[in-house]
């Protein structure tokens, strides 16, 4: 059974543990189901007692206890969407820090695609693209990703080369600087 169950007399999908579904499945007593329906409809304790004069405050409390016992006896609570997302992306739905924003901008400027940035920042790809838009980085020019040259490094087979975005610019800077007599 999923998180929702169809309630035919209301012709609607209700949360799995709504009082009507619990009543139909004989999981809650009739009295508890009636009290919980009134609470769910927004009635105060006084309104419930006025509507059902045979009840007392302890009856209302007992109904709440019965519902809680039912929920806790159903096994472990399923993970919510944030917990599920954090199983794969450690920083999913966490607040962005200024350092993360700066790192995002650096990686984007280096030509790294959002999918790889998401892996680096341990966030979902959608979070990366949304943050790019929020920070106004989507229109900024990016450094093109380094392309492998036709000739591999001396002695290295072509498949062993690692392409690092921005490496060509670093190599140019190193070639321009005078050697310090290494």
Foldseek 3Di string as FASTA:
>chain_A
DDQWDQDVVVRDIDGCLQLVNCVVVVQADPLLSVLSVCVVVPDDPVRVCVVVVVDDPVSSVVSVVSSVVSVVVPDDDDDDPQVVLCVQQVCEPPDDDPVLLVVLLVCVQLAHDLVVNCVVNSYDSVVSVVSCVVVVNPPDDHQHFDDDDPDDDPPDDPVPDDGDRPVVVVVVVVVPDDDPPD
